Amino acid sequence: MQNWLDQRAAIAVVQGFLDAVEEGDRERAFSFLDAATREEIGPALQDPESPVWLPMPGVQHRVNEFAIDGDTAQAKVLIEKNGFRLEPIVHLQRVETGSWKIVKIDRISIDPKWKALQRQRAQNAAQETNRELQDALNGQPGATVSRAPLPGSEQTIQPE
């Protein structure tokens, strides 16, 4: 019975943290983290104006797997929105008060499909800018529009 209660309490911490992040509630999200983890997060996430803290309606999340081993626990989580997914692993530790706190989150990397979509959007924007420049400079003496590499990639824009 105690193991079931421990599991329910630890899963509630994970769900509460995910709900708080989804709602953009920085203070509540931080309340689920242990003190050392709050300090390690860094300035970007501590800044209340960070995009991480914007409300994210439509995000779905659930705990897929959960395991407790004494005073430690681990939750494998699925987070989805618009077909993109994250699958972090949340590590918890029972603290002196007996409650559970998040001590680490692993595998919180961006979905490769999201990265590919962002690259495609950047390439499309660069191609549109190239077309606009060509149209604007068309017939101007001494003006030439040529290929240029996209920042951060080896792809080039082909003038049409």
Foldseek 3Di string as FASTA:
>chain_A
DVVVVQQVQQQVLVVQLVVQQQQLNLVSNCVQADPVQVVPPDDQSVPSPHPSSHHHPQKDKDFPDKDDDVQKIKTFMWIDHPHWIFTKIWIWGQDPVRGIHTHDIPRRDGGVVVVVVVVVVQLVVVLVVLVVVCVVCPPPPPDDRQWDARPPDRDIHHHD
